């Protein structure tokens, strides 16, 4: 007795081009949804990182002020946290282990002392747009002030 041969028609041999295209379209749509979701998270993460940097710089500036008796002036800038400014004898830094010169968007942190928003100092980043104002700046003062 002979075994029946299992013959498959060409149509059932694999996926058609139409089926493969349909799968690719579905995968593309899913990738687009996930990509948009992660893109928004990246922006939020940079804002959070800038806020942490701002807090760390503020802590280092307060340590400097406790030891020296005043905050670095605008000319001395944040560099005074890492290298002893001329004419400052009680400097016992560096006041931060790692240099933080740029915000998460690659722009220089802005420092002004005495400040125009705070008596002691203003410390801020221009935020994602890299320009002052626009409502996206990261600052050590409240816009309500």
Protein backbone atom coordinates (compact mmCIF):
# COMPACT_ATOMS: atom_id res chain seq x y z
CA UNK A 1 0.00 0.00 0.00
CA UNK A 2 1.33 3.34 -0.98
CA UNK A 3 1.22 6.32 1.27
CA UNK A 4 -0.74 9.22 -0.03
CA UNK A 5 1.44 12.05 -1.06
CA UNK A 6 0.90 15.30 0.64
CA UNK A 7 0.96 17.84 -2.04
CA UNK A 8 0.66 21.46 -1.22
CA UNK A 9 -0.37 23.95 -3.71
CA UNK A 10 1.95 26.80 -4.39
CA UNK A 11 -0.49 29.14 -2.71
CA UNK A 12 -0.05 27.45 0.68
CA UNK A 13 3.71 27.07 0.47
CA UNK A 14 4.51 30.33 2.29
CA UNK A 15 3.47 33.88 2.85
CA UNK A 16 2.36 35.98 -0.04
CA UNK A 17 3.88 39.37 -0.70
CA UNK A 18 0.63 40.96 0.36
CA UNK A 19 0.74 39.19 3.74
CA UNK A 20 4.38 40.24 4.27
CA UNK A 21 3.56 43.85 3.41
CA UNK A 22 0.65 43.81 5.83
CA UNK A 23 2.94 42.57 8.63
CA UNK A 24 5.52 45.27 7.80
CA UNK A 25 2.84 47.98 7.90
CA UNK A 26 1.63 46.78 11.31
CA UNK A 27 5.21 46.67 12.66
CA UNK A 28 5.88 50.17 11.31
CA UNK A 29 2.79 51.54 13.02
CA UNK A 30 3.78 49.95 16.32
CA UNK A 31 7.35 51.26 16.00
CA UNK A 32 5.99 54.76 15.36
CA UNK A 33 3.80 54.66 18.44
CA UNK A 34 6.64 53.42 20.64
CA UNK A 35 9.12 55.91 19.14
CA UNK A 36 6.87 58.89 19.83
CA UNK A 37 6.34 57.72 23.38
CA UNK A 38 10.08 57.36 24.05
CA UNK A 39 10.90 60.69 22.39
CA UNK A 40 8.71 62.45 24.96
CA UNK A 41 10.43 60.59 27.78
CA UNK A 42 13.86 61.71 26.56
CA UNK A 43 12.85 65.37 26.87
CA UNK A 44 11.49 64.81 30.37
CA UNK A 45 14.67 63.00 31.38
CA UNK A 46 16.82 65.94 30.25
CA UNK A 47 14.68 68.39 32.24
CA UNK A 48 15.01 66.16 35.30
CA UNK A 49 18.79 65.90 34.78
CA UNK A 50 19.05 69.69 34.51
CA UNK A 51 17.08 70.08 37.74
CA UNK A 52 19.44 67.66 39.52
CA UNK A 53 22.48 69.53 38.14
CA UNK A 54 20.97 72.82 39.32
CA UNK A 55 20.48 71.39 42.83
CA UNK A 56 24.03 69.98 42.93
CA UNK A 57 25.53 73.28 41.80
CA UNK A 58 23.42 75.09 44.41
CA UNK A 59 24.71 72.78 47.15
CA UNK A 60 28.31 73.37 46.04
CA UNK A 61 27.74 77.14 45.95
CA UNK A 62 26.35 77.04 49.52
CA UNK A 63 29.42 75.08 50.67
CA UNK A 64 31.64 77.67 49.04
CA UNK A 65 29.70 80.47 50.72
CA UNK A 66 29.96 78.82 54.16
CA UNK A 67 33.76 78.56 53.89
CA UNK A 68 34.53 81.84 52.09
CA UNK A 69 31.77 84.02 53.52
CA UNK A 70 30.23 84.99 50.20
CA UNK A 71 29.26 83.45 46.88
CA UNK A 72 31.61 83.69 43.90
CA UNK A 73 30.97 86.88 41.96
CA UNK A 74 29.86 86.78 38.34
CA UNK A 75 33.41 87.18 37.06
CA UNK A 76 34.68 84.25 39.18
CA UNK A 77 31.66 82.24 38.07
CA UNK A 78 31.13 78.53 38.61
CA UNK A 79 34.83 77.98 37.91
CA UNK A 80 35.40 79.04 41.55
CA UNK A 81 33.86 75.72 42.59
CA UNK A 82 36.72 73.83 40.90
CA UNK A 83 39.73 76.15 41.00
CA UNK A 84 40.77 78.67 43.63
CA UNK A 85 40.04 82.22 42.49
CA UNK A 86 42.76 84.80 42.95
CA UNK A 87 42.45 86.75 46.18
CA UNK A 88 40.41 84.04 47.94
CA UNK A 89 42.49 82.64 50.81
CA UNK A 90 40.06 80.33 52.64
CA UNK A 91 39.22 78.27 49.53
CA UNK A 92 39.17 74.57 50.39
CA UNK A 93 37.76 73.10 47.19
CA UNK A 94 37.00 71.71 44.83
CA UNK A 95 33.40 71.85 45.99
CA UNK A 96 32.18 69.33 43.42
CA UNK A 97 33.78 66.05 42.41
CA UNK A 98 32.85 66.37 38.74
CA UNK A 99 32.73 69.50 36.64
CA UNK A 100 29.29 70.54 35.51
CA UNK A 101 29.83 73.19 32.88
CA UNK A 102 27.08 72.33 30.43
CA UNK A 103 23.40 71.59 30.85
CA UNK A 104 21.93 68.40 29.31
CA UNK A 105 21.39 70.27 26.01
CA UNK A 106 25.08 71.17 25.70
CA UNK A 107 24.71 74.82 26.69
CA UNK A 108 26.76 76.57 29.35
CA UNK A 109 25.11 77.09 32.76
CA UNK A 110 24.42 80.77 33.41
CA UNK A 111 25.54 82.26 36.73
CA UNK A 112 25.16 85.80 38.03
CA UNK A 113 26.07 87.05 41.51
CA UNK A 114 24.60 89.10 42.95
CA UNK A 115 21.48 87.97 41.18
CA UNK A 116 18.60 89.95 39.77
CA UNK A 117 16.01 87.35 40.82
CA UNK A 118 17.71 86.27 44.07
CA UNK A 119 19.85 88.40 46.35
CA UNK A 120 22.69 85.86 46.49
CA UNK A 121 22.92 84.50 42.94
CA UNK A 122 20.95 83.48 39.88
CA UNK A 123 21.75 80.10 38.37
CA UNK A 124 19.94 78.94 35.27
CA UNK A 125 19.90 77.00 32.03
CA UNK A 126 18.23 78.25 28.87
CA UNK A 127 16.53 74.87 28.59
CA UNK A 128 15.75 72.85 25.47
CA UNK A 129 15.48 75.82 23.10
CA UNK A 130 18.90 77.23 24.14
CA UNK A 131 17.51 80.77 24.45
CA UNK A 132 16.60 82.87 27.44
CA UNK A 133 12.88 83.00 28.13
CA UNK A 134 10.21 81.01 26.39
CA UNK A 135 9.00 79.26 29.54
CA UNK A 136 11.39 76.31 29.30
CA UNK A 137 14.34 77.73 31.27
CA UNK A 138 15.56 75.78 34.32
CA UNK A 139 16.18 78.32 37.10
CA UNK A 140 16.86 78.63 40.82
CA UNK A 141 13.96 81.05 41.14
CA UNK A 142 10.26 80.82 40.57
CA UNK A 143 8.74 82.62 37.60
CA UNK A 144 6.03 83.79 40.01
CA UNK A 145 8.57 85.88 41.94
